């Protein structure tokens, strides 16, 4: 459990743990996250990618729009990143 920011783009909504501010962000907003990138895509657990271009949220798409892809916790990946949606098998 922790403190999450919420991203809302159209009818899609998800949460990220990048700043602990309880903030809500929409298209055009500048997130208060201090990452080494100004343009990146966030792999959302809810599916798809939130794309941030020049520090502004621009879209939520099925594929990342930027080479820098991070997970919802701020981890960086060199290419497309997908959450494992398969149920765990004991």
PDB file of N, CA and C in Angstrom:
ATOM      1  N   UNK A   1       0.854  -1.171   0.000  1.00  0.00           N
ATOM      2  CA  UNK A   1       0.000   0.000   0.000  1.00  0.00           C
ATOM      3  C   UNK A   1       0.894   1.226   0.000  1.00  0.00           C
ATOM      4  N   UNK A   2       0.404   2.299  -0.511  1.00  0.00           N
ATOM      5  CA  UNK A   2       1.191   3.515  -0.541  1.00  0.00           C
ATOM      6  C   UNK A   2       0.376   4.670  -1.065  1.00  0.00           C
ATOM      7  N   UNK A   3       1.054   5.760  -1.318  1.00  0.00           N
ATOM      8  CA  UNK A   3       0.424   6.968  -1.822  1.00  0.00           C
ATOM      9  C   UNK A   3       0.609   6.999  -3.332  1.00  0.00           C
ATOM     10  N   UNK A   4      -0.474   7.163  -4.064  1.00  0.00           N
ATOM     11  CA  UNK A   4      -0.430   7.147  -5.515  1.00  0.00           C
ATOM     12  C   UNK A   4      -0.982   8.432  -6.096  1.00  0.00           C
ATOM     13  N   UNK A   5      -0.477   8.808  -7.270  1.00  0.00           N
ATOM     14  CA  UNK A   5      -1.077   9.864  -8.072  1.00  0.00           C
ATOM     15  C   UNK A   5      -2.022   9.195  -9.060  1.00  0.00           C
ATOM     16  N   UNK A   6      -3.050   9.896  -9.475  1.00  0.00           N
ATOM     17  CA  UNK A   6      -4.031   9.371 -10.422  1.00  0.00           C
ATOM     18  C   UNK A   6      -3.853  10.064 -11.769  1.00  0.00           C
ATOM     19  N   UNK A   7      -3.934   9.286 -12.846  1.00  0.00           N
ATOM     20  CA  UNK A   7      -3.904   9.832 -14.202  1.00  0.00           C
ATOM     21  C   UNK A   7      -5.246   9.523 -14.848  1.00  0.00           C
ATOM     22  N   UNK A   8      -5.885  10.549 -15.412  1.00  0.00           N
ATOM     23  CA  UNK A   8      -7.153  10.384 -16.116  1.00  0.00           C
ATOM     24  C   UNK A   8      -6.983  10.923 -17.531  1.00  0.00           C
ATOM     25  N   UNK A   9      -7.214  10.053 -18.515  1.00  0.00           N
ATOM     26  CA  UNK A   9      -7.156  10.453 -19.917  1.00  0.00           C
ATOM     27  C   UNK A   9      -8.410   9.902 -20.575  1.00  0.00           C
ATOM     28  N   UNK A  10      -9.327  10.776 -20.934  1.00  0.00           N
ATOM     29  CA  UNK A  10     -10.599  10.324 -21.503  1.00  0.00           C
ATOM     30  C   UNK A  10     -11.333   9.462 -20.496  1.00  0.00           C
ATOM     31  N   UNK A  11     -11.716   8.257 -20.921  1.00  0.00           N
ATOM     32  CA  UNK A  11     -12.438   7.363 -20.012  1.00  0.00           C
ATOM     33  C   UNK A  11     -11.509   6.372 -19.309  1.00  0.00           C
ATOM     34  N   UNK A  12     -10.198   6.551 -19.469  1.00  0.00           N
ATOM     35  CA  UNK A  12      -9.234   5.672 -18.809  1.00  0.00           C
ATOM     36  C   UNK A  12      -8.688   6.343 -17.558  1.00  0.00           C
ATOM     37  N   UNK A  13      -8.509   5.542 -16.522  1.00  0.00           N
ATOM     38  CA  UNK A  13      -7.987   6.065 -15.267  1.00  0.00           C
ATOM     39  C   UNK A  13      -7.077   5.029 -14.629  1.00  0.00           C
ATOM     40  N   UNK A  14      -5.956   5.486 -14.102  1.00  0.00           N
ATOM     41  CA  UNK A  14      -5.030   4.587 -13.433  1.00  0.00           C
ATOM     42  C   UNK A  14      -4.198   5.339 -12.425  1.00  0.00           C
ATOM     43  N   UNK A  15      -3.397   4.581 -11.690  1.00  0.00           N
ATOM     44  CA  UNK A  15      -2.584   5.197 -10.651  1.00  0.00           C
ATOM     45  C   UNK A  15      -1.110   4.875 -10.848  1.00  0.00           C
ATOM     46  N   UNK A  16      -0.268   5.827 -10.455  1.00  0.00           N
ATOM     47  CA  UNK A  16       1.181   5.665 -10.491  1.00  0.00           C
ATOM     48  C   UNK A  16       1.758   6.085  -9.148  1.00  0.00           C
ATOM     49  N   UNK A  17       2.853   5.467  -8.786  1.00  0.00           N
ATOM     50  CA  UNK A  17       3.530   5.835  -7.528  1.00  0.00           C
ATOM     51  C   UNK A  17       4.850   6.490  -7.909  1.00  0.00           C
ATOM     52  N   UNK A  18       4.756   7.781  -8.238  1.00  0.00           N
ATOM     53  CA  UNK A  18       5.947   8.497  -8.656  1.00  0.00           C
ATOM     54  C   UNK A  18       6.250   9.720  -7.807  1.00  0.00           C
ATOM     55  N   UNK A  19       5.274  10.256  -7.093  1.00  0.00           N
ATOM     56  CA  UNK A  19       5.576  11.467  -6.322  1.00  0.00           C
ATOM     57  C   UNK A  19       5.003  11.483  -4.908  1.00  0.00           C
ATOM     58  N   UNK A  20       4.077  10.600  -4.586  1.00  0.00           N
ATOM     59  CA  UNK A  20       3.460  10.577  -3.253  1.00  0.00           C
ATOM     60  C   UNK A  20       2.688  11.858  -2.930  1.00  0.00           C
ATOM     61  N   UNK A  21       2.117  12.506  -3.934  1.00  0.00           N
ATOM     62  CA  UNK A  21       1.426  13.766  -3.717  1.00  0.00           C
ATOM     63  C   UNK A  21      -0.098  13.660  -3.705  1.00  0.00           C
ATOM     64  N   UNK A  22      -0.669  12.502  -3.972  1.00  0.00           N
ATOM     65  CA  UNK A  22      -2.122  12.351  -4.112  1.00  0.00           C
ATOM     66  C   UNK A  22      -2.664  13.280  -5.194  1.00  0.00           C
ATOM     67  N   UNK A  23      -1.868  13.584  -6.207  1.00  0.00           N
ATOM     68  CA  UNK A  23      -2.281  14.502  -7.263  1.00  0.00           C
ATOM     69  C   UNK A  23      -3.113  13.761  -8.310  1.00  0.00           C
ATOM     70  N   UNK A  24      -3.905  14.510  -9.051  1.00  0.00           N
ATOM     71  CA  UNK A  24      -4.644  13.981 -10.195  1.00  0.00           C
ATOM     72  C   UNK A  24      -4.168  14.727 -11.430  1.00  0.00           C
ATOM     73  N   UNK A  25      -3.762  13.967 -12.454  1.00  0.00           N
ATOM     74  CA  UNK A  25      -3.234  14.548 -13.684  1.00  0.00           C
ATOM     75  C   UNK A  25      -4.106  14.180 -14.867  1.00  0.00           C
ATOM     76  N   UNK A  26      -4.218  15.114 -15.818  1.00  0.00           N
ATOM     77  CA  UNK A  26      -4.985  14.914 -17.048  1.00  0.00           C
ATOM     78  C   UNK A  26      -4.132  15.362 -18.231  1.00  0.00           C
ATOM     79  N   UNK A  27      -4.644  15.160 -19.447  1.00  0.00           N
ATOM     80  CA  UNK A  27      -3.935  15.584 -20.656  1.00  0.00           C
ATOM     81  C   UNK A  27      -3.572  17.065 -20.542  1.00  0.00           C
ATOM     82  N   UNK A  28      -2.326  17.389 -20.880  1.00  0.00           N
ATOM     83  CA  UNK A  28      -1.834  18.758 -20.831  1.00  0.00           C
ATOM     84  C   UNK A  28      -1.146  19.125 -19.536  1.00  0.00           C
ATOM     85  N   UNK A  29      -1.395  18.351 -18.489  1.00  0.00           N
ATOM     86  CA  UNK A  29      -0.762  18.640 -17.205  1.00  0.00           C
ATOM     87  C   UNK A  29       0.720  18.277 -17.228  1.00  0.00           C
ATOM     88  N   UNK A  30       1.480  18.963 -16.406  1.00  0.00           N
ATOM     89  CA  UNK A  30       2.897  18.670 -16.224  1.00  0.00           C
ATOM     90  C   UNK A  30       3.051  17.942 -14.893  1.00  0.00           C
ATOM     91  N   UNK A  31       3.355  16.650 -14.949  1.00  0.00           N
ATOM     92  CA  UNK A  31       3.513  15.898 -13.700  1.00  0.00           C
ATOM     93  C   UNK A  31       4.703  16.405 -12.887  1.00  0.00           C
ATOM     94  N   UNK A  32       4.589  16.297 -11.589  1.00  0.00           N
ATOM     95  CA  UNK A  32       5.649  16.751 -10.678  1.00  0.00           C
ATOM     96  C   UNK A  32       6.642  15.625 -10.398  1.00  0.00           C
ATOM     97  N   UNK A  33       6.931  14.812 -11.398  1.00  0.00           N
ATOM     98  CA  UNK A  33       7.860  13.698 -11.205  1.00  0.00           C
ATOM     99  C   UNK A  33       9.231  14.130 -11.678  1.00  0.00           C
ATOM    100  N   UNK A  34      10.245  13.791 -10.931  1.00  0.00           N
ATOM    101  CA  UNK A  34      11.605  14.188 -11.261  1.00  0.00           C
ATOM    102  C   UNK A  34      12.339  12.987 -11.851  1.00  0.00           C
ATOM    103  N   UNK A  35      12.134  12.784 -13.150  1.00  0.00           N
ATOM    104  CA  UNK A  35      12.754  11.666 -13.855  1.00  0.00           C
ATOM    105  C   UNK A  35      13.874  12.199 -14.744  1.00  0.00           C
ATOM    106  N   UNK A  36      14.783  11.332 -15.168  1.00  0.00           N
ATOM    107  CA  UNK A  36      15.856  11.798 -16.051  1.00  0.00           C
ATOM    108  C   UNK A  36      15.398  11.985 -17.494  1.00  0.00           C
ATOM    109  N   UNK A  37      14.101  11.873 -17.766  1.00  0.00           N
ATOM    110  CA  UNK A  37      13.558  12.008 -19.116  1.00  0.00           C
ATOM    111  C   UNK A  37      12.544  13.147 -19.152  1.00  0.00           C
ATOM    112  N   UNK A  38      12.404  13.804 -20.291  1.00  0.00           N
ATOM    113  CA  UNK A  38      11.323  14.775 -20.461  1.00  0.00           C
ATOM    114  C   UNK A  38      10.208  14.171 -21.316  1.00  0.00           C
ATOM    115  N   UNK A  39      10.545  13.116 -22.056  1.00  0.00           N
ATOM    116  CA  UNK A  39       9.558  12.395 -22.867  1.00  0.00           C
ATOM    117  C   UNK A  39       9.702  10.904 -22.574  1.00  0.00           C
ATOM    118  N   UNK A  40       8.598  10.272 -22.175  1.00  0.00           N
ATOM    119  CA  UNK A  40       8.628   8.868 -21.787  1.00  0.00           C
ATOM    120  C   UNK A  40       7.212   8.316 -21.808  1.00  0.00           C
ATOM    121  N   UNK A  41       7.105   7.011 -21.751  1.00  0.00           N
ATOM    122  CA  UNK A  41       5.809   6.337 -21.658  1.00  0.00           C
ATOM    123  C   UNK A  41       5.772   5.551 -20.360  1.00  0.00           C
ATOM    124  N   UNK A  42       4.604   5.534 -19.719  1.00  0.00           N
ATOM    125  CA  UNK A  42       4.435   4.809 -18.460  1.00  0.00           C
ATOM    126  C   UNK A  42       3.583   3.578 -18.739  1.00  0.00           C
ATOM    127  N   UNK A  43       4.121   2.386 -18.462  1.00  0.00           N
ATOM    128  CA  UNK A  43       3.344   1.150 -18.597  1.00  0.00           C
ATOM    129  C   UNK A  43       2.335   1.112 -17.452  1.00  0.00           C
ATOM    130  N   UNK A  44       1.055   1.152 -17.800  1.00  0.00           N
ATOM    131  CA  UNK A  44       0.008   1.210 -16.783  1.00  0.00           C
ATOM    132  C   UNK A  44      -0.509  -0.187 -16.476  1.00  0.00           C
ATOM    133  N   UNK A  45      -0.670  -0.500 -15.231  1.00  0.00           N
ATOM    134  CA  UNK A  45      -1.195  -1.794 -14.813  1.00  0.00           C
ATOM    135  C   UNK A  45      -2.598  -2.013 -15.368  1.00  0.00           C
ATOM    136  N   UNK A  46      -3.321  -0.929 -15.558  1.00  0.00           N
ATOM    137  CA  UNK A  46      -4.680  -1.009 -16.090  1.00  0.00           C
ATOM    138  C   UNK A  46      -4.696  -1.309 -17.579  1.00  0.00           C
ATOM    139  N   UNK A  47      -3.527  -1.338 -18.214  1.00  0.00           N
ATOM    140  CA  UNK A  47      -3.388  -1.624 -19.639  1.00  0.00           C
ATOM    141  C   UNK A  47      -2.978  -0.380 -20.402  1.00  0.00           C
ATOM    142  N   UNK A  48      -2.138  -0.547 -21.380  1.00  0.00           N
ATOM    143  CA  UNK A  48      -1.694   0.562 -22.214  1.00  0.00           C
ATOM    144  C   UNK A  48      -0.598   1.395 -21.570  1.00  0.00           C
ATOM    145  N   UNK A  49      -0.337   2.525 -22.214  1.00  0.00           N
ATOM    146  CA  UNK A  49       0.765   3.394 -21.821  1.00  0.00           C
ATOM    147  C   UNK A  49       0.321   4.847 -21.796  1.00  0.00           C
ATOM    148  N   UNK A  50       0.641   5.543 -20.732  1.00  0.00           N
ATOM    149  CA  UNK A  50       0.436   6.983 -20.674  1.00  0.00           C
ATOM    150  C   UNK A  50       1.705   7.609 -21.236  1.00  0.00           C
ATOM    151  N   UNK A  51       1.544   8.493 -22.216  1.00  0.00           N
ATOM    152  CA  UNK A  51       2.679   9.107 -22.889  1.00  0.00           C
ATOM    153  C   UNK A  51       2.859  10.545 -22.429  1.00  0.00           C
ATOM    154  N   UNK A  52       4.083  10.847 -22.002  1.00  0.00           N
ATOM    155  CA  UNK A  52       4.454  12.183 -21.545  1.00  0.00           C
ATOM    156  C   UNK A  52       5.478  12.711 -22.539  1.00  0.00           C
ATOM    157  N   UNK A  53       5.169  13.851 -23.177  1.00  0.00           N
ATOM    158  CA  UNK A  53       6.047  14.453 -24.171  1.00  0.00           C
ATOM    159  C   UNK A  53       6.426  15.849 -23.712  1.00  0.00           C
ATOM    160  N   UNK A  54       7.741  16.100 -23.637  1.00  0.00           N
ATOM    161  CA  UNK A  54       8.243  17.392 -23.156  1.00  0.00           C
ATOM    162  C   UNK A  54       7.554  17.798 -21.853  1.00  0.00           C
ATOM    163  N   UNK A  55       7.472  16.821 -20.938  1.00  0.00           N
ATOM    164  CA  UNK A  55       6.934  17.006 -19.589  1.00  0.00           C
ATOM    165  C   UNK A  55       5.436  17.290 -19.518  1.00  0.00           C
ATOM    166  N   UNK A  56       4.679  16.945 -20.568  1.00  0.00           N
ATOM    167  CA  UNK A  56       3.224  17.115 -20.562  1.00  0.00           C
ATOM    168  C   UNK A  56       2.559  15.789 -20.920  1.00  0.00           C
ATOM    169  N   UNK A  57       1.529  15.431 -20.192  1.00  0.00           N
ATOM    170  CA  UNK A  57       0.763  14.227 -20.522  1.00  0.00           C
ATOM    171  C   UNK A  57       0.014  14.492 -21.821  1.00  0.00           C
ATOM    172  N   UNK A  58       0.199  13.606 -22.807  1.00  0.00           N
ATOM    173  CA  UNK A  58      -0.420  13.829 -24.113  1.00  0.00           C
ATOM    174  C   UNK A  58      -1.437  12.769 -24.500  1.00  0.00           C
ATOM    175  N   UNK A  59      -1.272  11.522 -24.018  1.00  0.00           N
ATOM    176  CA  UNK A  59      -2.192  10.479 -24.474  1.00  0.00           C
ATOM    177  C   UNK A  59      -2.062   9.230 -23.621  1.00  0.00           C
ATOM    178  N   UNK A  60      -3.019   8.325 -23.833  1.00  0.00           N
ATOM    179  CA  UNK A  60      -2.986   6.976 -23.250  1.00  0.00           C
ATOM    180  C   UNK A  60      -3.262   6.051 -24.414  1.00  0.00           C
ATOM    181  N   UNK A  61      -2.257   5.308 -24.828  1.00  0.00           N
ATOM    182  CA  UNK A  61      -2.342   4.485 -26.030  1.00  0.00           C
ATOM    183  C   UNK A  61      -2.052   3.021 -25.712  1.00  0.00           C
ATOM    184  N   UNK A  62      -2.314   2.149 -26.684  1.00  0.00           N
ATOM    185  CA  UNK A  62      -2.063   0.721 -26.489  1.00  0.00           C
ATOM    186  C   UNK A  62      -0.584   0.379 -26.575  1.00  0.00           C
ATOM    187  N   UNK A  63       0.192   1.190 -27.288  1.00  0.00           N
ATOM    188  CA  UNK A  63       1.632   0.964 -27.436  1.00  0.00           C
ATOM    189  C   UNK A  63       2.371   2.217 -26.966  1.00  0.00           C
ATOM    190  N   UNK A  64       3.591   2.060 -26.448  1.00  0.00           N
ATOM    191  CA  UNK A  64       4.340   3.238 -26.005  1.00  0.00           C
ATOM    192  C   UNK A  64       4.729   4.113 -27.191  1.00  0.00           C
ATOM    193  N   UNK A  65       4.751   5.414 -26.982  1.00  0.00           N
ATOM    194  CA  UNK A  65       5.151   6.349 -28.039  1.00  0.00           C
ATOM    195  C   UNK A  65       6.599   6.807 -27.895  1.00  0.00           C
ATOM    196  N   UNK A  66       7.257   6.408 -26.817  1.00  0.00           N
ATOM    197  CA  UNK A  66       8.631   6.849 -26.568  1.00  0.00           C
ATOM    198  C   UNK A  66       9.532   5.650 -26.278  1.00  0.00           C
ATOM    199  N   UNK A  67      10.823   5.808 -26.562  1.00  0.00           N
ATOM    200  CA  UNK A  67      11.788   4.736 -26.296  1.00  0.00           C
ATOM    201  C   UNK A  67      11.983   4.528 -24.800  1.00  0.00           C
ATOM    202  N   UNK A  68      11.874   5.597 -24.027  1.00  0.00           N
ATOM    203  CA  UNK A  68      12.007   5.484 -22.572  1.00  0.00           C
ATOM    204  C   UNK A  68      10.667   5.037 -22.013  1.00  0.00           C
ATOM    205  N   UNK A  69      10.634   3.825 -21.480  1.00  0.00           N
ATOM    206  CA  UNK A  69       9.411   3.272 -20.903  1.00  0.00           C
ATOM    207  C   UNK A  69       9.685   2.988 -19.434  1.00  0.00           C
ATOM    208  N   UNK A  70       8.799   3.484 -18.569  1.00  0.00           N
ATOM    209  CA  UNK A  70       8.947   3.236 -17.143  1.00  0.00           C
ATOM    210  C   UNK A  70       7.714   2.506 -16.636  1.00  0.00           C
ATOM    211  N   UNK A  71       7.864   1.841 -15.511  1.00  0.00           N
ATOM    212  CA  UNK A  71       6.683   1.212 -14.919  1.00  0.00           C
ATOM    213  C   UNK A  71       6.017   2.220 -13.988  1.00  0.00           C
ATOM    214  N   UNK A  72       4.892   1.851 -13.428  1.00  0.00           N
ATOM    215  CA  UNK A  72       4.138   2.804 -12.613  1.00  0.00           C
ATOM    216  C   UNK A  72       4.837   3.145 -11.302  1.00  0.00           C
ATOM    217  N   UNK A  73       5.980   2.510 -11.037  1.00  0.00           N
ATOM    218  CA  UNK A  73       6.766   2.814  -9.840  1.00  0.00           C
ATOM    219  C   UNK A  73       8.019   3.611 -10.175  1.00  0.00           C
ATOM    220  N   UNK A  74       8.194   4.008 -11.445  1.00  0.00           N
ATOM    221  CA  UNK A  74       9.345   4.808 -11.826  1.00  0.00           C
ATOM    222  C   UNK A  74      10.542   4.021 -12.298  1.00  0.00           C
ATOM    223  N   UNK A  75      10.435   2.688 -12.404  1.00  0.00           N
ATOM    224  CA  UNK A  75      11.535   1.874 -12.907  1.00  0.00           C
ATOM    225  C   UNK A  75      11.687   2.061 -14.404  1.00  0.00           C
ATOM    226  N   UNK A  76      12.910   2.082 -14.902  1.00  0.00           N
ATOM    227  CA  UNK A  76      13.173   2.342 -16.317  1.00  0.00           C
ATOM    228  C   UNK A  76      13.447   1.047 -17.078  1.00  0.00           C
ATOM    229  N   UNK A  77      12.963   1.001 -18.318  1.00  0.00           N
ATOM    230  CA  UNK A  77      13.160  -0.166 -19.175  1.00  0.00           C
ATOM    231  C   UNK A  77      13.668   0.302 -20.525  1.00  0.00           C
ATOM    232  N   UNK A  78      14.446  -0.548 -21.202  1.00  0.00           N
ATOM    233  CA  UNK A  78      15.014  -0.178 -22.491  1.00  0.00           C
ATOM    234  C   UNK A  78      14.065  -0.323 -23.658  1.00  0.00           C
ATOM    235  N   UNK A  79      12.937  -0.943 -23.470  1.00  0.00           N
ATOM    236  CA  UNK A  79      11.995  -1.142 -24.567  1.00  0.00           C
ATOM    237  C   UNK A  79      10.612  -1.368 -24.011  1.00  0.00           C
ATOM    238  N   UNK A  80       9.708  -1.853 -24.841  1.00  0.00           N
ATOM    239  CA  UNK A  80       8.336  -2.056 -24.355  1.00  0.00           C
ATOM    240  C   UNK A  80       8.290  -2.934 -23.116  1.00  0.00           C
ATOM    241  N   UNK A  81       7.460  -2.565 -22.194  1.00  0.00           N
ATOM    242  CA  UNK A  81       7.317  -3.282 -20.939  1.00  0.00           C
ATOM    243  C   UNK A  81       5.853  -3.605 -20.741  1.00  0.00           C
ATOM    244  N   UNK A  82       5.553  -4.836 -20.430  1.00  0.00           N
ATOM    245  CA  UNK A  82       4.177  -5.240 -20.184  1.00  0.00           C
ATOM    246  C   UNK A  82       4.086  -5.919 -18.838  1.00  0.00           C
ATOM    247  N   UNK A  83       3.054  -5.602 -18.076  1.00  0.00           N
ATOM    248  CA  UNK A  83       2.843  -6.291 -16.820  1.00  0.00           C
ATOM    249  C   UNK A  83       2.422  -7.718 -17.100  1.00  0.00           C
ATOM    250  N   UNK A  84       2.820  -8.635 -16.264  1.00  0.00           N
ATOM    251  CA  UNK A  84       2.383 -10.018 -16.388  1.00  0.00           C
ATOM    252  C   UNK A  84       0.942 -10.101 -15.924  1.00  0.00           C
ATOM    253  N   UNK A  85       0.041 -10.417 -16.846  1.00  0.00           N
ATOM    254  CA  UNK A  85      -1.379 -10.477 -16.507  1.00  0.00           C
ATOM    255  C   UNK A  85      -1.843 -11.911 -16.325  1.00  0.00           C
ATOM    256  N   UNK A  86      -0.925 -12.872 -16.436  1.00  0.00           N
ATOM    257  CA  UNK A  86      -1.277 -14.271 -16.250  1.00  0.00           C
ATOM    258  C   UNK A  86      -1.443 -14.562 -14.760  1.00  0.00           C
ATOM    259  N   UNK A  87      -2.441 -15.328 -14.402  1.00  0.00           N
ATOM    260  CA  UNK A  87      -2.573 -15.677 -12.982  1.00  0.00           C
ATOM    261  C   UNK A  87      -1.395 -16.533 -12.538  1.00  0.00           C
ATOM    262  N   UNK A  88      -0.951 -16.328 -11.307  1.00  0.00           N
ATOM    263  CA  UNK A  88       0.159 -17.132 -10.814  1.00  0.00           C
ATOM    264  C   UNK A  88      -0.317 -18.554 -10.558  1.00  0.00           C
ATOM    265  N   UNK A  89       0.589 -19.476 -10.789  1.00  0.00           N
ATOM    266  CA  UNK A  89       0.256 -20.898 -10.591  1.00  0.00           C
ATOM    267  C   UNK A  89       1.157 -21.431  -9.510  1.00  0.00           C
ATOM    268  N   UNK A  90       0.525 -21.965  -8.483  1.00  0.00           N
ATOM    269  CA  UNK A  90       1.202 -22.374  -7.305  1.00  0.00           C
ATOM    270  C   UNK A  90       2.019 -23.572  -7.363  1.00  0.00           C
TER     271      UNK A  90
END
